Amino acid sequence: MKHIKYQLIKFTINQPKEKVRLLFDTNNLYEIIESIFVSLPHENAYYASCLELQVNGEEVFPADFEVKLLATNSSVAPSERFFSLKDELIKAKGSHAEGLYTDGGNGTVPQYPYEGTIYLKLINPKQ
């Protein structure tokens, strides 16, 4: 089995300031959520947008945690774009996750609807 898996959680925002509830389970074959990255199609969609996230009832990101802290631009190497959760030791293994994405509605996003993607980097520690 591979050491790393990227799990994608996609969501659609239809209008400014919309809130989208995220409910998903992590992949059952991987032990730990090592890091996270949020990708949005418009640079301006990051500003004032927030992501709240809990895994197995444990808070990962509190309400109003700004998405811009979980994103980078294309000048950053792909291997360094992820926000590290290594110190948290968040269990994957089919864990139930709940989140709330809130669009910033700052009036500068050029087009609605848009689709966002949350990338979870799941790992099995090397023995």
N, C-alpha and C. Protein backbone atom coordinates (compact mmCIF):
# COMPACT_ATOMS: atom_id res chain seq x y z
N MET A 1 0.83 -1.18 0.00
CA MET A 1 0.00 0.00 0.00
C MET A 1 0.88 1.25 0.00
N LYS A 2 0.39 2.28 -0.64
CA LYS A 2 1.14 3.54 -0.69
C LYS A 2 1.21 4.17 0.70
N HIS A 3 2.24 4.97 0.90
CA HIS A 3 2.46 5.67 2.16
C HIS A 3 1.57 6.92 2.26
N ILE A 4 1.25 7.55 1.12
CA ILE A 4 0.51 8.81 1.11
C ILE A 4 -0.72 8.70 0.22
N LYS A 5 -1.82 9.33 0.65
CA LYS A 5 -3.02 9.45 -0.17
C LYS A 5 -3.55 10.87 -0.01
N TYR A 6 -3.99 11.45 -1.13
CA TYR A 6 -4.62 12.76 -1.10
C TYR A 6 -6.12 12.56 -1.25
N GLN A 7 -6.87 12.96 -0.23
CA GLN A 7 -8.33 12.85 -0.27
C GLN A 7 -8.89 14.23 -0.59
N LEU A 8 -9.76 14.29 -1.60
CA LEU A 8 -10.34 15.54 -2.05
C LEU A 8 -11.79 15.67 -1.57
N ILE A 9 -12.11 16.84 -1.04
CA ILE A 9 -13.47 17.16 -0.64
C ILE A 9 -13.88 18.39 -1.45
N LYS A 10 -14.83 18.20 -2.35
CA LYS A 10 -15.25 19.29 -3.24
C LYS A 10 -16.56 19.90 -2.73
N PHE A 11 -16.70 21.21 -2.95
CA PHE A 11 -17.92 21.90 -2.55
C PHE A 11 -18.19 23.03 -3.54
N THR A 12 -19.46 23.45 -3.63
CA THR A 12 -19.86 24.51 -4.56
C THR A 12 -20.46 25.68 -3.79
N ILE A 13 -20.03 26.87 -4.15
CA ILE A 13 -20.58 28.11 -3.60
C ILE A 13 -21.40 28.76 -4.72
N ASN A 14 -22.68 28.97 -4.46
CA ASN A 14 -23.59 29.52 -5.48
C ASN A 14 -23.78 31.02 -5.40
N GLN A 15 -23.54 31.60 -4.23
CA GLN A 15 -23.79 33.04 -4.07
C GLN A 15 -22.90 33.61 -2.96
N PRO A 16 -22.70 34.93 -2.96
CA PRO A 16 -21.87 35.55 -1.92
C PRO A 16 -22.40 35.25 -0.52
N LYS A 17 -21.46 35.06 0.42
CA LYS A 17 -21.73 34.81 1.84
C LYS A 17 -22.43 33.49 2.13
N GLU A 18 -22.51 32.61 1.12
CA GLU A 18 -23.14 31.31 1.34
C GLU A 18 -22.31 30.46 2.30
N LYS A 19 -23.00 29.66 3.10
CA LYS A 19 -22.37 28.71 4.02
C LYS A 19 -22.67 27.31 3.52
N VAL A 20 -21.63 26.49 3.41
CA VAL A 20 -21.80 25.12 2.92
C VAL A 20 -21.32 24.16 4.00
N ARG A 21 -22.19 23.26 4.39
CA ARG A 21 -21.86 22.25 5.39
C ARG A 21 -21.11 21.10 4.71
N LEU A 22 -20.04 20.67 5.32
CA LEU A 22 -19.21 19.58 4.80
C LEU A 22 -19.30 18.40 5.76
N LEU A 23 -19.73 17.26 5.25
CA LEU A 23 -19.79 16.04 6.03
C LEU A 23 -19.10 14.95 5.22
N PHE A 24 -18.09 14.31 5.80
CA PHE A 24 -17.37 13.26 5.09
C PHE A 24 -16.63 12.39 6.07
N ASP A 25 -16.21 11.22 5.59
CA ASP A 25 -15.36 10.32 6.37
C ASP A 25 -14.01 10.23 5.68
N THR A 26 -12.97 10.16 6.47
CA THR A 26 -11.63 10.02 5.89
C THR A 26 -11.43 8.59 5.40
N ASN A 27 -10.47 8.43 4.51
CA ASN A 27 -10.16 7.11 3.95
C ASN A 27 -9.77 6.15 5.07
N ASN A 28 -10.36 4.98 5.05
CA ASN A 28 -10.17 3.99 6.10
C ASN A 28 -8.80 3.30 6.07
N LEU A 29 -8.07 3.41 4.97
CA LEU A 29 -6.80 2.70 4.83
C LEU A 29 -5.58 3.50 5.29
N TYR A 30 -5.80 4.76 5.72
CA TYR A 30 -4.68 5.61 6.12
C TYR A 30 -4.89 6.08 7.55
N GLU A 31 -3.79 6.16 8.29
CA GLU A 31 -3.88 6.37 9.74
C GLU A 31 -3.98 7.82 10.19
N ILE A 32 -3.28 8.73 9.53
CA ILE A 32 -3.14 10.09 10.06
C ILE A 32 -3.43 11.13 8.98
N ILE A 33 -4.09 12.23 9.40
CA ILE A 33 -4.23 13.40 8.53
C ILE A 33 -3.00 14.26 8.81
N GLU A 34 -2.09 14.29 7.85
CA GLU A 34 -0.83 15.00 8.06
C GLU A 34 -0.93 16.50 7.78
N SER A 35 -1.71 16.86 6.74
CA SER A 35 -1.78 18.27 6.37
C SER A 35 -3.02 18.54 5.52
N ILE A 36 -3.27 19.82 5.27
CA ILE A 36 -4.47 20.25 4.55
C ILE A 36 -4.12 21.42 3.63
N PHE A 37 -4.82 21.50 2.51
CA PHE A 37 -4.67 22.61 1.57
C PHE A 37 -6.05 22.93 1.01
N VAL A 38 -6.36 24.20 0.85
CA VAL A 38 -7.64 24.61 0.27
C VAL A 38 -7.36 25.32 -1.05
N SER A 39 -8.03 24.86 -2.10
CA SER A 39 -7.88 25.45 -3.43
C SER A 39 -9.20 26.07 -3.88
N LEU A 40 -9.14 27.33 -4.28
CA LEU A 40 -10.30 28.05 -4.80
C LEU A 40 -9.94 28.62 -6.17
N PRO A 41 -10.90 28.75 -7.08
CA PRO A 41 -10.58 29.15 -8.45
C PRO A 41 -10.27 30.64 -8.64
N HIS A 42 -10.61 31.44 -7.64
CA HIS A 42 -10.39 32.89 -7.76
C HIS A 42 -9.58 33.37 -6.56
N GLU A 43 -8.52 34.11 -6.82
CA GLU A 43 -7.67 34.64 -5.76
C GLU A 43 -8.49 35.40 -4.70
N ASN A 44 -9.45 36.18 -5.15
CA ASN A 44 -10.24 37.00 -4.23
C ASN A 44 -11.20 36.19 -3.37
N ALA A 45 -11.46 34.94 -3.73
CA ALA A 45 -12.37 34.11 -2.93
C ALA A 45 -11.76 33.75 -1.58
N TYR A 46 -10.45 33.84 -1.45
CA TYR A 46 -9.80 33.50 -0.18
C TYR A 46 -10.06 34.53 0.91
N TYR A 47 -10.23 35.78 0.52
CA TYR A 47 -10.32 36.86 1.51
C TYR A 47 -11.67 36.88 2.19
N ALA A 48 -11.62 36.82 3.51
CA ALA A 48 -12.78 36.83 4.39
C ALA A 48 -13.55 35.51 4.39
N SER A 49 -13.15 34.54 3.57
CA SER A 49 -13.79 33.22 3.61
C SER A 49 -13.20 32.43 4.77
N CYS A 50 -14.03 31.55 5.36
CA CYS A 50 -13.61 30.83 6.57
C CYS A 50 -13.93 29.34 6.46
N LEU A 51 -13.16 28.55 7.20
CA LEU A 51 -13.40 27.11 7.27
C LEU A 51 -13.34 26.69 8.73
N GLU A 52 -14.43 26.10 9.18
CA GLU A 52 -14.49 25.48 10.50
C GLU A 52 -14.41 23.98 10.26
N LEU A 53 -13.60 23.25 11.06
CA LEU A 53 -13.44 21.82 10.82
C LEU A 53 -13.26 21.07 12.13
N GLN A 54 -13.99 19.95 12.24
CA GLN A 54 -13.85 19.03 13.36
C GLN A 54 -13.68 17.62 12.80
N VAL A 55 -12.84 16.83 13.45
CA VAL A 55 -12.66 15.43 13.09
C VAL A 55 -12.91 14.61 14.36
N ASN A 56 -13.84 13.68 14.27
CA ASN A 56 -14.25 12.87 15.43
C ASN A 56 -14.61 13.74 16.63
N GLY A 57 -15.28 14.86 16.35
CA GLY A 57 -15.72 15.75 17.41
C GLY A 57 -14.65 16.65 17.99
N GLU A 58 -13.40 16.50 17.53
CA GLU A 58 -12.30 17.33 18.01
C GLU A 58 -12.07 18.49 17.05
N GLU A 59 -11.94 19.67 17.60
CA GLU A 59 -11.74 20.86 16.78
C GLU A 59 -10.36 20.85 16.12
N VAL A 60 -10.36 21.04 14.79
CA VAL A 60 -9.13 21.21 14.04
C VAL A 60 -8.95 22.70 13.75
N PHE A 61 -10.00 23.33 13.22
CA PHE A 61 -10.02 24.77 12.98
C PHE A 61 -11.30 25.33 13.59
N PRO A 62 -11.21 26.37 14.41
CA PRO A 62 -12.41 26.94 15.04
C PRO A 62 -13.24 27.73 14.03
N ALA A 63 -14.43 28.10 14.43
CA ALA A 63 -15.27 28.96 13.60
C ALA A 63 -14.48 30.21 13.24
N ASP A 64 -14.70 30.70 12.05
CA ASP A 64 -14.06 31.93 11.56
C ASP A 64 -12.55 31.81 11.31
N PHE A 65 -12.04 30.58 11.13
CA PHE A 65 -10.64 30.39 10.77
C PHE A 65 -10.50 30.74 9.29
N GLU A 66 -9.68 31.73 8.99
CA GLU A 66 -9.61 32.25 7.63
C GLU A 66 -8.93 31.28 6.66
N VAL A 67 -9.59 31.07 5.54
CA VAL A 67 -9.10 30.14 4.51
C VAL A 67 -7.76 30.60 3.94
N LYS A 68 -7.52 31.89 3.89
CA LYS A 68 -6.26 32.37 3.32
C LYS A 68 -5.04 31.83 4.07
N LEU A 69 -5.23 31.37 5.31
CA LEU A 69 -4.14 30.77 6.08
C LEU A 69 -3.86 29.34 5.64
N LEU A 70 -4.76 28.75 4.85
CA LEU A 70 -4.63 27.36 4.39
C LEU A 70 -4.34 27.28 2.90
N ALA A 71 -3.93 28.39 2.31
CA ALA A 71 -3.72 28.44 0.87
C ALA A 71 -2.38 29.10 0.56
N THR A 72 -1.89 28.81 -0.64
CA THR A 72 -0.68 29.46 -1.14
C THR A 72 -0.91 29.77 -2.62
N ASN A 73 0.03 30.43 -3.22
CA ASN A 73 -0.10 30.68 -4.67
C ASN A 73 0.82 29.74 -5.44
N SER A 74 0.79 29.85 -6.74
CA SER A 74 1.53 28.91 -7.59
C SER A 74 3.05 29.09 -7.53
N SER A 75 3.53 30.14 -6.87
CA SER A 75 4.98 30.30 -6.76
C SER A 75 5.58 29.41 -5.67
N VAL A 76 4.73 28.80 -4.86
CA VAL A 76 5.19 27.89 -3.81
C VAL A 76 5.24 26.47 -4.38
N ALA A 77 6.30 25.76 -4.09
CA ALA A 77 6.45 24.39 -4.58
C ALA A 77 5.26 23.54 -4.11
N PRO A 78 4.72 22.69 -4.98
CA PRO A 78 3.56 21.87 -4.61
C PRO A 78 3.76 21.07 -3.31
N SER A 79 4.95 20.59 -3.07
CA SER A 79 5.20 19.80 -1.86
C SER A 79 5.18 20.64 -0.58
N GLU A 80 5.18 21.97 -0.73
CA GLU A 80 5.20 22.86 0.44
C GLU A 80 3.91 23.67 0.59
N ARG A 81 2.89 23.35 -0.17
CA ARG A 81 1.65 24.13 -0.14
C ARG A 81 0.71 23.75 0.99
N PHE A 82 0.95 22.63 1.63
CA PHE A 82 0.01 22.13 2.64
C PHE A 82 0.28 22.71 4.02
N PHE A 83 -0.81 23.02 4.75
CA PHE A 83 -0.75 23.48 6.13
C PHE A 83 -0.54 22.24 7.01
N SER A 84 0.54 22.18 7.74
CA SER A 84 0.90 20.99 8.51
C SER A 84 0.01 20.80 9.74
N LEU A 85 -0.40 19.56 9.92
CA LEU A 85 -1.14 19.15 11.11
C LEU A 85 -0.36 18.08 11.87
N LYS A 86 0.93 17.95 11.57
CA LYS A 86 1.76 16.89 12.15
C LYS A 86 1.74 16.89 13.68
N ASP A 87 1.75 18.06 14.28
CA ASP A 87 1.79 18.15 15.74
C ASP A 87 0.46 17.76 16.39
N GLU A 88 -0.60 17.71 15.60
CA GLU A 88 -1.92 17.41 16.14
C GLU A 88 -2.21 15.92 16.23
N LEU A 89 -1.56 15.09 15.41
CA LEU A 89 -1.83 13.66 15.33
C LEU A 89 -3.32 13.36 15.20
N ILE A 90 -3.91 13.87 14.13
CA ILE A 90 -5.33 13.68 13.87
C ILE A 90 -5.54 12.35 13.17
N LYS A 91 -6.30 11.47 13.79
CA LYS A 91 -6.54 10.14 13.27
C LYS A 91 -7.40 10.20 12.02
N ALA A 92 -7.01 9.44 11.00
CA ALA A 92 -7.82 9.30 9.79
C ALA A 92 -8.64 8.02 9.98
N LYS A 93 -8.24 6.90 9.38
CA LYS A 93 -8.86 5.58 9.58
C LYS A 93 -10.39 5.62 9.61
N GLY A 94 -11.01 6.27 8.62
CA GLY A 94 -12.47 6.30 8.55
C GLY A 94 -13.10 7.26 9.54
N SER A 95 -12.36 8.25 10.00
CA SER A 95 -12.89 9.22 10.96
C SER A 95 -13.99 10.06 10.33
N HIS A 96 -14.97 10.43 11.16
CA HIS A 96 -16.05 11.29 10.69
C HIS A 96 -15.61 12.75 10.83
N ALA A 97 -15.79 13.52 9.77
CA ALA A 97 -15.41 14.93 9.79
C ALA A 97 -16.61 15.80 9.45
N GLU A 98 -16.68 16.95 10.10
CA GLU A 98 -17.72 17.93 9.84
C GLU A 98 -17.06 19.29 9.70
N GLY A 99 -17.55 20.05 8.75
CA GLY A 99 -17.00 21.37 8.55
C GLY A 99 -18.04 22.35 8.06
N LEU A 100 -17.66 23.60 8.06
CA LEU A 100 -18.51 24.66 7.53
C LEU A 100 -17.62 25.64 6.77
N TYR A 101 -17.84 25.72 5.46
CA TYR A 101 -17.13 26.70 4.64
C TYR A 101 -18.05 27.90 4.48
N THR A 102 -17.54 29.09 4.76
CA THR A 102 -18.32 30.32 4.61
C THR A 102 -17.63 31.23 3.61
N ASP A 103 -18.34 31.55 2.54
CA ASP A 103 -17.80 32.46 1.53
C ASP A 103 -17.69 33.86 2.12
N GLY A 104 -16.58 34.52 1.81
CA GLY A 104 -16.34 35.86 2.35
C GLY A 104 -17.27 36.92 1.80
N GLY A 105 -17.82 36.68 0.61
CA GLY A 105 -18.78 37.63 0.04
C GLY A 105 -18.26 39.05 -0.03
N ASN A 106 -16.98 39.19 -0.37
CA ASN A 106 -16.36 40.51 -0.35
C ASN A 106 -16.62 41.35 -1.60
N GLY A 107 -17.41 40.81 -2.53
CA GLY A 107 -17.78 41.58 -3.71
C GLY A 107 -16.75 41.61 -4.82
N THR A 108 -15.64 40.90 -4.65
CA THR A 108 -14.60 40.93 -5.68
C THR A 108 -14.41 39.60 -6.40
N VAL A 109 -15.16 38.59 -6.02
CA VAL A 109 -15.09 37.31 -6.73
C VAL A 109 -15.78 37.51 -8.08
N PRO A 110 -15.09 37.23 -9.18
CA PRO A 110 -15.64 37.57 -10.50
C PRO A 110 -16.83 36.74 -10.94
N GLN A 111 -17.02 35.55 -10.36
CA GLN A 111 -18.10 34.72 -10.88
C GLN A 111 -18.59 33.72 -9.84
N TYR A 112 -19.90 33.65 -9.70
CA TYR A 112 -20.56 32.60 -8.93
C TYR A 112 -21.41 31.82 -9.92
N PRO A 113 -21.62 30.54 -9.73
CA PRO A 113 -21.04 29.73 -8.67
C PRO A 113 -19.57 29.42 -8.93
N TYR A 114 -18.89 28.97 -7.88
CA TYR A 114 -17.53 28.47 -8.03
C TYR A 114 -17.38 27.21 -7.19
N GLU A 115 -16.40 26.38 -7.56
CA GLU A 115 -16.14 25.14 -6.84
C GLU A 115 -14.81 25.24 -6.11
N GLY A 116 -14.81 24.82 -4.87
CA GLY A 116 -13.59 24.76 -4.09
C GLY A 116 -13.24 23.32 -3.79
N THR A 117 -11.98 23.09 -3.44
CA THR A 117 -11.53 21.74 -3.09
C THR A 117 -10.65 21.81 -1.86
N ILE A 118 -10.94 20.94 -0.91
CA ILE A 118 -10.09 20.76 0.26
C ILE A 118 -9.30 19.48 0.02
N TYR A 119 -7.99 19.58 0.12
CA TYR A 119 -7.11 18.42 -0.05
C TYR A 119 -6.59 18.02 1.33
N LEU A 120 -6.85 16.79 1.70
CA LEU A 120 -6.28 16.22 2.92
C LEU A 120 -5.14 15.30 2.53
N LYS A 121 -3.99 15.49 3.12
CA LYS A 121 -2.87 14.59 2.89
C LYS A 121 -2.89 13.56 4.02
N LEU A 122 -3.23 12.32 3.67
CA LEU A 122 -3.31 11.23 4.61
C LEU A 122 -2.05 10.38 4.50
N ILE A 123 -1.59 9.88 5.63
CA ILE A 123 -0.37 9.07 5.59
C ILE A 123 -0.51 7.82 6.46
N ASN A 124 0.30 6.85 6.14
CA ASN A 124 0.60 5.71 7.01
C ASN A 124 2.06 5.90 7.41
N PRO A 125 2.32 6.08 8.69
CA PRO A 125 3.73 6.28 9.09
C PRO A 125 4.59 5.12 8.62
N LYS A 126 5.77 5.45 8.17
CA LYS A 126 6.72 4.41 7.73
C LYS A 126 7.22 3.66 8.94
N GLN A 127 7.30 2.37 8.78
CA GLN A 127 7.75 1.52 9.89
C GLN A 127 9.25 1.50 9.99
